[in-house]
Amino acid sequence: MRRTISTRRTFLAATGTLALAGTGFGRAAADEESASEQDTFAIREGTEDETTVYETAGSEDGPTVVVVAGIHGNETAGIRAADEIAEWNVNAGTLVTIPRANATAVEQESRTGSDGSDLNREFEVGEEPGTELAQALWDTIVEYDPDVVVDLQESQGIYDGSYDEGEGVGQAIFHSYDSAAFEGAEGAATYVNENYVSDSQYELKTDILSGPDQPPYGLLVHKTTWDLNATSYLFETYSGVGLSKRIQWQKQVVRQLVGGEIDLGSADEDEGDNEETGGDDGSEEEEETDKGGSGGEDDGTGGDSDEPAENEPPVAKIASSPSRAATRTFDLGDTVAFDATGSSDPDGEIASYEWRHRGVGTLDRSGGTAELTFTDCGRARVALRVTDDGGATDTDEVVVVANRG
C-alpha cells in the first residue's frame, strides 16, 4: 500500500481561458474550480533512495500518463522540467510524475547512485528489475498501468541517426512501435522545432526504440513497451545547450506527447528565452481557431448533408521475400526484401511509405520497398508507416533474426 505523505489539494484554475493548438489542454475559466487533485507519496521510504511520486487526477476519467526523470542524477534539465510538470493541472485522466527517480544520484549530481549501478540498465524485459530501487519504481508504474510513459534524459552528444553505446543521442525522441507513438513523436518534434528551436543543429529528431535484446539493454522504456504494452517515449536533450533552453524543450515535448492523451488544465507557460520561441506567443491560439474551422467565414458546405465523408485510415502491410521472414533464421550477409505495396486504403490511395529500422543490419529504402542486409547477428525490427491521401496513417512491423551461432 502507498503511504500518503502530504494532504490532497485542489488546484484553482488560473484567470482567463486559452486553448493550445494540438495539445488537448487549456486554461479553465476564472470562476471554475480546476478538475484535479494531487496526492504525493514516497517510495523506498526511510532509505537513502526515498523519493516522491506526484499523482494528479482529473475529475473526469481518462488515460494515465507517467513521466519519469532523474534516472541519471546528472541530467538536470529533465529533473527541473519534471518538477514543473508535477504541478500541471489535469481536467481528465491522471498524470503521475517521478522527478527524482534516483534520489541519491540526483543529490550527488552523478549518473549513478551510491551503489554504482546504472539504474537505466536494470529493467530487463520479462525479468524482475535488477535492484531494490528499480523494483520499487517498477512496482509503482505497474500499479498505475499507464497508457503512456515518458522518460526525460540528457546526452553529452547529438544523435546522428545511428546508435552505438557511448555515442550521443541528444535532441532525439525515441518511441515505441505503435502508431500513436509514431504520430506523437513526430508531432512533438515538428512543433518544438518550429516554435522553440532557432538553430538547425539542435532540431529534434525521432527514431524508434531499440529492441530489448539490442544495446543499450535494460531501459525503463523497453520494459514499459514490451511488458506493459504502453506507448513509450525516451526524450534526450543535448547537455551542451543552455539549461533554460533544455528545460523549455523538455516541457514542451511532454506537453505535445501527453496533451492528446489527458486533458491538462492550466499547464505552465514558458517565459523568456524568446530567442528560441520562433514566433508570436499567441500563435497557438490562432492555430487552434484555424484548425477548428468554427466561428469563422461560411465554408460553403450548405449544411450537414453536404459534409464530406470521414476519411477512413489505410491498412499497412509488410510482405517479405523470402516469405514469412519473421519465422526464419538468417545468416550473416543474407538480405531480406520487404514490400509495402500490398498496403491498401479503403477510400483513397496510399500517398507515402516510411520505413524505420532498429537492430542489426543496414536497411535500404525506396518508396514502397526496402531491403535489410544482416551485417551482424541478432534481431532487427523493421517498421512501416503508410499515409493515405487524406492524411490518415497506419503502421506494421516485422522482426527478423540472423543466426547467432
Protein backbone atom coordinates (compact mmCIF):
# COMPACT_ATOMS: atom_id res chain seq x y z
CA MET A 1 0.00 0.00 0.00
CA ARG A 2 1.18 3.52 -0.74
CA ARG A 3 1.68 5.88 2.16
CA THR A 4 0.44 9.42 1.54
CA ILE A 5 2.97 11.94 2.79
CA SER A 6 1.08 15.13 2.04
CA THR A 7 -2.51 16.20 2.01
CA ARG A 8 -4.55 16.13 -1.13
CA ARG A 9 -5.17 19.57 -2.55
CA THR A 10 -7.38 21.04 -5.24
CA PHE A 11 -5.85 23.32 -7.85
CA LEU A 12 -7.74 26.51 -8.67
CA ALA A 13 -7.86 27.44 -12.30
CA ALA A 14 -5.84 30.42 -13.44
CA THR A 15 -7.54 33.53 -14.71
CA GLY A 16 -8.57 33.58 -18.35
CA THR A 17 -9.16 30.95 -21.00
CA LEU A 18 -6.64 29.73 -23.52
CA ALA A 19 -6.76 26.74 -25.84
CA LEU A 20 -3.43 25.44 -27.10
CA ALA A 21 -3.46 24.06 -30.60
CA GLY A 22 -2.83 20.36 -30.96
CA THR A 23 -2.16 19.75 -27.30
CA GLY A 24 -5.57 18.92 -25.89
CA PHE A 25 -5.18 21.14 -22.87
CA GLY A 26 -6.16 24.67 -22.00
CA ARG A 27 -6.88 27.01 -19.15
CA ALA A 28 -10.21 26.88 -17.39
CA ALA A 29 -12.42 29.90 -16.86
CA ALA A 30 -11.57 32.09 -13.88
CA ASP A 31 -14.68 31.21 -11.90
CA GLU A 32 -14.30 27.46 -12.38
CA GLU A 33 -12.62 25.20 -9.89
CA SER A 34 -9.93 23.11 -11.50
CA ALA A 35 -10.67 19.48 -12.01
CA SER A 36 -7.58 17.99 -10.41
CA GLU A 37 -6.39 16.87 -7.02
CA GLN A 38 -2.82 15.94 -6.17
CA ASP A 39 -1.62 13.14 -3.95
CA THR A 40 2.06 12.65 -3.13
CA PHE A 41 3.64 9.59 -1.61
CA ALA A 42 7.09 8.16 -1.05
CA ILE A 43 8.69 5.04 -2.45
CA ARG A 44 11.65 3.38 -0.72
CA GLU A 45 10.60 5.40 2.32
CA GLY A 46 13.17 5.56 5.11
CA THR A 47 16.05 4.57 2.83
CA GLU A 48 18.61 6.69 1.03
CA ASP A 49 16.64 6.02 -2.17
CA GLU A 50 13.44 7.62 -0.83
CA THR A 51 11.79 9.77 -3.46
CA THR A 52 8.40 11.34 -4.09
CA VAL A 53 5.74 10.39 -6.60
CA TYR A 54 3.16 13.01 -7.61
CA GLU A 55 -0.26 11.82 -8.74
CA THR A 56 -2.56 14.45 -10.23
CA ALA A 57 -6.01 13.13 -11.14
CA GLY A 58 -8.73 14.94 -13.01
CA SER A 59 -12.39 14.88 -12.02
CA GLU A 60 -13.22 13.06 -15.26
CA ASP A 61 -12.00 9.63 -16.29
CA GLY A 62 -9.25 9.39 -18.87
CA PRO A 63 -5.93 7.76 -19.72
CA THR A 64 -2.97 7.57 -17.34
CA VAL A 65 0.40 9.11 -18.19
CA VAL A 66 3.63 8.51 -16.25
CA VAL A 67 6.53 10.99 -16.60
CA VAL A 68 9.88 9.94 -15.13
CA ALA A 69 13.08 11.97 -14.74
CA GLY A 70 16.26 11.76 -12.70
CA ILE A 71 17.08 8.15 -13.53
CA HIS A 72 20.56 9.61 -14.03
CA GLY A 73 21.25 12.25 -11.40
CA ASN A 74 23.43 14.50 -13.55
CA GLU A 75 20.78 15.07 -16.23
CA THR A 76 19.46 18.29 -14.77
CA ALA A 77 17.05 19.58 -17.40
CA GLY A 78 14.71 16.61 -17.20
CA ILE A 79 14.63 16.80 -13.41
CA ARG A 80 13.87 20.52 -13.41
CA ALA A 81 11.24 20.11 -16.10
CA ALA A 82 9.59 17.23 -14.22
CA ASP A 83 9.43 19.37 -11.08
CA GLU A 84 7.25 21.80 -13.01
CA ILE A 85 5.30 19.09 -14.83
CA ALA A 86 4.33 17.66 -11.44
CA GLU A 87 2.43 20.90 -10.80
CA TRP A 88 0.44 20.82 -14.02
CA ASN A 89 -3.33 20.76 -13.74
CA VAL A 90 -5.45 17.90 -15.06
CA ASN A 91 -9.11 18.05 -16.05
CA ALA A 92 -9.46 14.46 -17.27
CA GLY A 93 -7.18 11.47 -16.81
CA THR A 94 -4.24 11.01 -14.46
CA LEU A 95 -0.72 12.44 -14.60
CA VAL A 96 1.90 10.63 -12.49
CA THR A 97 5.30 12.33 -12.18
CA ILE A 98 8.52 10.99 -10.63
CA PRO A 99 11.02 13.88 -10.95
CA ARG A 100 13.90 12.27 -8.99
CA ALA A 101 13.74 8.57 -9.70
CA ASN A 102 17.33 8.04 -8.50
CA ALA A 103 17.39 10.37 -5.50
CA THR A 104 20.93 9.61 -4.33
CA ALA A 105 22.32 10.15 -7.83
CA VAL A 106 20.44 13.45 -8.08
CA GLU A 107 21.82 14.57 -4.72
CA GLN A 108 25.35 13.65 -5.82
CA GLU A 109 24.78 15.10 -9.33
CA SER A 110 26.16 11.87 -10.74
CA ARG A 111 24.98 9.36 -13.31
CA THR A 112 24.78 6.55 -10.76
CA GLY A 113 23.68 6.33 -7.14
CA SER A 114 25.67 5.16 -4.16
CA ASP A 115 25.54 1.53 -5.31
CA GLY A 116 27.37 2.46 -8.53
CA SER A 117 24.80 0.82 -10.81
CA ASP A 118 23.22 2.49 -13.83
CA LEU A 119 19.53 2.50 -12.95
CA ASN A 120 18.54 2.61 -16.61
CA ARG A 121 20.14 -0.77 -17.24
CA GLU A 122 18.12 -2.59 -14.56
CA PHE A 123 14.82 -3.08 -16.42
CA GLU A 124 15.28 -6.22 -18.49
CA VAL A 125 12.12 -7.18 -20.38
CA GLY A 126 10.35 -10.21 -18.93
CA GLU A 127 12.51 -10.28 -15.80
CA GLU A 128 12.42 -8.79 -12.34
CA PRO A 129 14.23 -5.42 -12.10
CA GLY A 130 17.85 -5.70 -11.03
CA THR A 131 17.93 -3.55 -7.86
CA GLU A 132 15.59 -2.73 -4.98
CA LEU A 133 15.15 0.81 -6.27
CA ALA A 134 14.41 -0.41 -9.80
CA GLN A 135 11.88 -2.86 -8.36
CA ALA A 136 10.17 -0.14 -6.33
CA LEU A 137 9.93 2.15 -9.34
CA TRP A 138 8.62 -0.67 -11.49
CA ASP A 139 6.04 -1.72 -8.90
CA THR A 140 4.78 1.87 -8.79
CA ILE A 141 4.47 2.10 -12.57
CA VAL A 142 2.76 -1.30 -12.79
CA GLU A 143 0.24 -0.18 -10.17
CA TYR A 144 -0.85 2.67 -12.43
CA ASP A 145 -0.85 0.52 -15.62
CA PRO A 146 -0.15 3.63 -17.71
CA ASP A 147 -1.29 4.22 -21.26
CA VAL A 148 1.74 6.46 -21.94
CA VAL A 149 5.21 6.62 -20.37
CA VAL A 150 7.70 9.46 -20.98
CA ASP A 151 11.29 9.21 -19.70
CA LEU A 152 13.22 12.51 -19.68
CA GLN A 153 17.00 12.22 -20.04
CA GLU A 154 20.03 14.07 -21.42
CA SER A 155 23.07 13.23 -23.52
CA GLN A 156 26.53 14.70 -23.99
CA GLY A 157 26.28 14.41 -27.76
CA ILE A 158 23.75 14.94 -30.54
CA TYR A 159 22.08 11.95 -32.21
CA ASP A 160 23.20 11.41 -35.79
CA GLY A 161 20.69 8.74 -36.75
CA SER A 162 22.71 5.71 -35.67
CA TYR A 163 23.47 4.42 -32.23
CA ASP A 164 26.46 2.80 -30.62
CA GLU A 165 26.88 2.50 -26.85
CA GLY A 166 28.51 5.66 -25.54
CA GLU A 167 27.65 7.86 -28.51
CA GLY A 168 25.42 10.90 -28.37
CA VAL A 169 21.65 10.58 -28.51
CA GLY A 170 20.73 14.18 -27.67
CA GLN A 171 17.94 16.15 -29.35
CA ALA A 172 16.02 12.97 -30.15
CA ILE A 173 12.67 11.45 -29.24
CA PHE A 174 12.82 7.66 -29.28
CA HIS A 175 9.45 5.95 -29.36
CA SER A 176 7.73 2.58 -29.28
CA TYR A 177 6.46 0.92 -32.46
CA ASP A 178 2.74 1.65 -32.19
CA SER A 179 1.04 4.12 -34.49
CA ALA A 180 0.23 6.52 -31.66
CA ALA A 181 3.93 6.73 -30.76
CA PHE A 182 4.92 7.45 -34.37
CA GLU A 183 2.41 10.27 -34.54
CA GLY A 184 3.17 11.60 -31.08
CA ALA A 185 6.93 11.76 -31.54
CA GLU A 186 6.84 13.37 -34.95
CA GLY A 187 4.16 15.84 -33.96
CA ALA A 188 6.11 16.87 -30.86
CA ALA A 189 9.38 17.21 -32.74
CA THR A 190 7.80 19.27 -35.50
CA TYR A 191 6.01 21.57 -33.07
CA VAL A 192 9.07 22.21 -30.91
CA ASN A 193 11.39 22.66 -33.89
CA GLU A 194 9.06 25.21 -35.46
CA ASN A 195 8.33 27.14 -32.28
CA TYR A 196 11.25 26.72 -29.88
CA VAL A 197 14.43 25.78 -31.78
CA SER A 198 16.09 28.59 -33.74
CA ASP A 199 19.40 26.85 -34.53
CA SER A 200 19.00 23.98 -37.01
CA GLN A 201 21.84 21.96 -35.46
CA TYR A 202 19.63 21.46 -32.41
CA GLU A 203 16.48 20.41 -34.24
CA LEU A 204 14.80 17.38 -32.69
CA LYS A 205 14.89 14.04 -34.48
CA THR A 206 12.72 10.99 -33.96
CA ASP A 207 13.52 7.29 -34.12
CA ILE A 208 12.08 4.01 -32.92
CA LEU A 209 13.39 2.44 -29.74
CA SER A 210 15.94 -0.32 -29.97
CA GLY A 211 14.68 -3.80 -29.27
CA PRO A 212 15.02 -5.18 -25.73
CA ASP A 213 17.75 -7.57 -26.88
CA GLN A 214 19.79 -4.82 -28.53
CA PRO A 215 22.12 -2.39 -26.73
CA PRO A 216 21.62 -0.44 -24.64
CA TYR A 217 19.96 -3.18 -22.59
CA GLY A 218 17.55 -2.83 -19.69
CA LEU A 219 16.00 0.56 -20.42
CA LEU A 220 12.88 1.51 -18.48
CA VAL A 221 11.07 2.29 -21.74
CA HIS A 222 11.95 -1.17 -23.06
CA LYS A 223 10.09 -2.70 -20.15
CA THR A 224 7.10 -0.35 -20.29
CA THR A 225 6.79 -1.02 -24.02
CA TRP A 226 7.03 -4.80 -24.03
CA ASP A 227 5.84 -5.78 -20.55
CA LEU A 228 3.04 -3.21 -20.15
CA ASN A 229 2.22 -2.52 -23.80
CA ALA A 230 2.38 1.21 -23.05
CA THR A 231 3.06 3.85 -25.68
CA SER A 232 6.56 4.83 -24.58
CA TYR A 233 8.94 7.69 -25.27
CA LEU A 234 12.53 8.46 -24.30
CA PHE A 235 13.41 12.12 -24.86
CA GLU A 236 17.05 13.19 -24.71
CA THR A 237 18.21 16.80 -24.80
CA TYR A 238 21.81 17.76 -25.57
CA SER A 239 23.57 18.94 -22.42
CA GLY A 240 25.79 21.33 -24.39
CA VAL A 241 22.90 23.79 -24.74
CA GLY A 242 21.96 26.30 -22.03
CA LEU A 243 19.93 24.86 -19.17
CA SER A 244 16.91 27.14 -19.58
CA LYS A 245 16.52 26.10 -23.21
CA ARG A 246 16.82 22.41 -22.36
CA ILE A 247 14.17 22.70 -19.64
CA GLN A 248 11.91 24.51 -22.08
CA TRP A 249 12.35 21.81 -24.72
CA GLN A 250 11.71 19.04 -22.19
CA LYS A 251 8.46 20.62 -21.00
CA GLN A 252 7.21 21.44 -24.47
CA VAL A 253 7.87 17.93 -25.75
CA VAL A 254 5.96 16.45 -22.83
CA ARG A 255 3.08 18.85 -23.42
CA GLN A 256 2.86 17.71 -27.01
CA LEU A 257 3.25 14.00 -26.23
CA VAL A 258 0.68 13.81 -23.44
CA GLY A 259 -1.71 16.63 -24.33
CA GLY A 260 -3.61 14.43 -26.76
CA GLU A 261 -3.93 11.72 -24.13
CA ILE A 262 -5.03 13.52 -20.97
CA ASP A 263 -6.83 16.83 -20.69
CA LEU A 264 -4.45 19.13 -18.87
CA GLY A 265 -5.74 22.33 -17.33
CA SER A 266 -3.54 25.34 -16.60
CA ALA A 267 -0.20 23.99 -17.72
CA ASP A 268 2.98 26.00 -17.48
CA GLU A 269 3.74 28.88 -19.79
CA ASP A 270 7.34 29.27 -20.82
CA GLU A 271 8.64 32.71 -20.05
CA GLY A 272 11.57 34.29 -21.73
CA ASP A 273 14.13 32.55 -23.85
CA ASN A 274 12.35 34.35 -26.65
CA GLU A 275 15.35 33.69 -28.78
CA GLU A 276 14.15 30.10 -29.05
CA THR A 277 10.40 30.62 -29.29
CA GLY A 278 10.47 31.04 -33.03
CA GLY A 279 7.30 33.07 -33.27
CA ASP A 280 4.49 35.06 -31.73
CA ASP A 281 3.50 33.87 -28.25
CA GLY A 282 -0.13 33.93 -29.34
CA SER A 283 0.36 31.69 -32.36
CA GLU A 284 -1.03 28.60 -30.65
CA GLU A 285 -4.45 30.16 -30.04
CA GLU A 286 -4.64 31.39 -33.60
CA GLU A 287 -3.71 27.92 -34.89
CA GLU A 288 -6.48 26.36 -32.87
CA THR A 289 -9.03 28.70 -34.44
CA ASP A 290 -7.74 27.99 -37.93
CA LYS A 291 -7.72 24.22 -37.46
CA GLY A 292 -11.08 24.07 -35.75
CA GLY A 293 -12.83 25.89 -38.57
CA SER A 294 -15.66 27.04 -36.30
CA GLY A 295 -16.90 30.58 -35.82
CA GLY A 296 -15.23 31.77 -39.00
CA GLU A 297 -16.46 32.50 -42.51
CA ASP A 298 -19.08 30.36 -44.18
CA ASP A 299 -17.31 27.29 -45.53
CA GLY A 300 -19.83 26.85 -48.28
CA THR A 301 -20.84 23.33 -47.35
CA GLY A 302 -24.52 24.23 -47.28
CA GLY A 303 -25.34 22.15 -44.21
CA ASP A 304 -24.65 18.79 -42.65
CA SER A 305 -25.94 16.85 -45.63
CA ASP A 306 -23.12 18.18 -47.81
CA GLU A 307 -20.29 17.45 -45.39
CA PRO A 308 -17.61 15.19 -46.87
CA ALA A 309 -17.41 11.64 -45.59
CA GLU A 310 -14.88 10.98 -42.85
CA ASN A 311 -11.59 9.70 -44.18
CA GLU A 312 -11.03 6.02 -43.39
CA PRO A 313 -7.48 5.07 -42.39
CA PRO A 314 -5.26 2.94 -44.60
CA VAL A 315 -4.04 -0.56 -43.77
CA ALA A 316 -0.26 -1.03 -43.65
CA LYS A 317 1.04 -4.44 -44.70
CA ILE A 318 4.62 -5.69 -44.97
CA ALA A 319 5.32 -8.66 -47.25
CA SER A 320 8.76 -10.26 -47.31
CA SER A 321 10.99 -12.22 -49.62
CA PRO A 322 11.71 -14.90 -48.68
CA SER A 323 8.16 -15.24 -47.44
CA ARG A 324 7.34 -15.49 -43.72
CA ALA A 325 10.70 -13.96 -42.90
CA ALA A 326 9.75 -13.50 -39.26
CA THR A 327 9.61 -17.29 -38.83
CA ARG A 328 13.04 -17.92 -40.38
CA THR A 329 16.60 -17.60 -39.13
CA PHE A 330 19.06 -15.92 -41.48
CA ASP A 331 22.83 -15.99 -41.76
CA LEU A 332 25.30 -13.15 -41.65
CA GLY A 333 25.31 -11.40 -45.04
CA ASP A 334 21.79 -12.50 -46.01
CA THR A 335 19.37 -9.95 -47.42
CA VAL A 336 15.65 -9.79 -46.74
CA ALA A 337 13.40 -7.81 -49.08
CA PHE A 338 10.29 -6.06 -47.78
CA ASP A 339 7.38 -4.86 -49.90
CA ALA A 340 4.72 -2.44 -48.64
CA THR A 341 2.81 -2.06 -51.91
CA GLY A 342 0.22 -4.54 -50.69
CA SER A 343 -0.92 -1.89 -48.22
CA SER A 344 -4.35 -0.50 -49.03
CA ASP A 345 -6.71 2.40 -48.43
CA PRO A 346 -10.47 1.70 -48.43
CA ASP A 347 -11.46 5.15 -49.69
CA GLY A 348 -8.43 6.54 -51.45
CA GLU A 349 -4.78 5.90 -52.24
CA ILE A 350 -1.55 5.43 -50.34
CA ALA A 351 0.36 8.70 -50.60
CA SER A 352 3.62 7.76 -48.89
CA TYR A 353 5.60 4.93 -47.30
CA GLU A 354 8.02 5.46 -44.43
CA TRP A 355 10.42 2.78 -43.21
CA ARG A 356 12.25 2.70 -39.90
CA HIS A 357 14.73 0.18 -38.61
CA ARG A 358 16.31 -0.76 -35.30
CA GLY A 359 18.82 -3.51 -34.55
CA VAL A 360 21.47 -5.26 -36.58
CA GLY A 361 21.90 -4.83 -40.32
CA THR A 362 21.51 -1.98 -42.79
CA LEU A 363 18.20 -1.01 -44.38
CA ASP A 364 17.99 0.42 -47.90
CA ARG A 365 14.66 2.17 -48.52
CA SER A 366 13.00 3.03 -51.81
CA GLY A 367 9.38 4.07 -51.59
CA GLY A 368 7.21 1.03 -51.11
CA THR A 369 10.13 -1.39 -50.83
CA ALA A 370 13.15 -1.88 -48.58
CA GLU A 371 15.99 -4.37 -48.21
CA LEU A 372 17.74 -5.37 -44.99
CA THR A 373 21.21 -6.89 -45.15
CA PHE A 374 22.49 -8.52 -41.98
CA THR A 375 25.89 -7.10 -41.07
CA ASP A 376 25.86 -8.73 -37.65
CA CYS A 377 23.99 -11.45 -35.85
CA GLY A 378 20.92 -10.70 -33.77
CA ARG A 379 17.46 -9.20 -34.15
CA ALA A 380 16.32 -6.42 -36.47
CA ARG A 381 12.97 -4.66 -36.22
CA VAL A 382 11.61 -3.10 -39.37
CA ALA A 383 8.62 -0.77 -39.05
CA LEU A 384 6.47 0.69 -41.80
CA ARG A 385 4.12 3.64 -41.68
CA VAL A 386 1.82 4.41 -44.59
CA THR A 387 -0.08 7.66 -45.07
CA ASP A 388 -3.12 7.97 -47.31
CA ASP A 389 -4.16 10.90 -49.49
CA GLY A 390 -6.35 12.17 -46.66
CA GLY A 391 -3.50 12.26 -44.15
CA ALA A 392 -4.52 9.18 -42.12
CA THR A 393 -1.83 6.66 -41.17
CA ASP A 394 -1.32 3.06 -40.14
CA THR A 395 1.76 1.04 -39.13
CA ASP A 396 3.04 -2.52 -39.42
CA GLU A 397 6.25 -4.14 -38.26
CA VAL A 398 8.27 -7.32 -38.62
CA VAL A 399 11.16 -8.74 -36.61
CA VAL A 400 13.81 -10.82 -38.38
CA VAL A 401 16.76 -12.67 -36.86
CA ALA A 402 20.25 -13.59 -38.04
CA ASN A 403 21.86 -16.74 -36.67
CA ARG A 404 23.98 -16.14 -33.60
CA GLY A 405 25.74 -19.47 -33.97
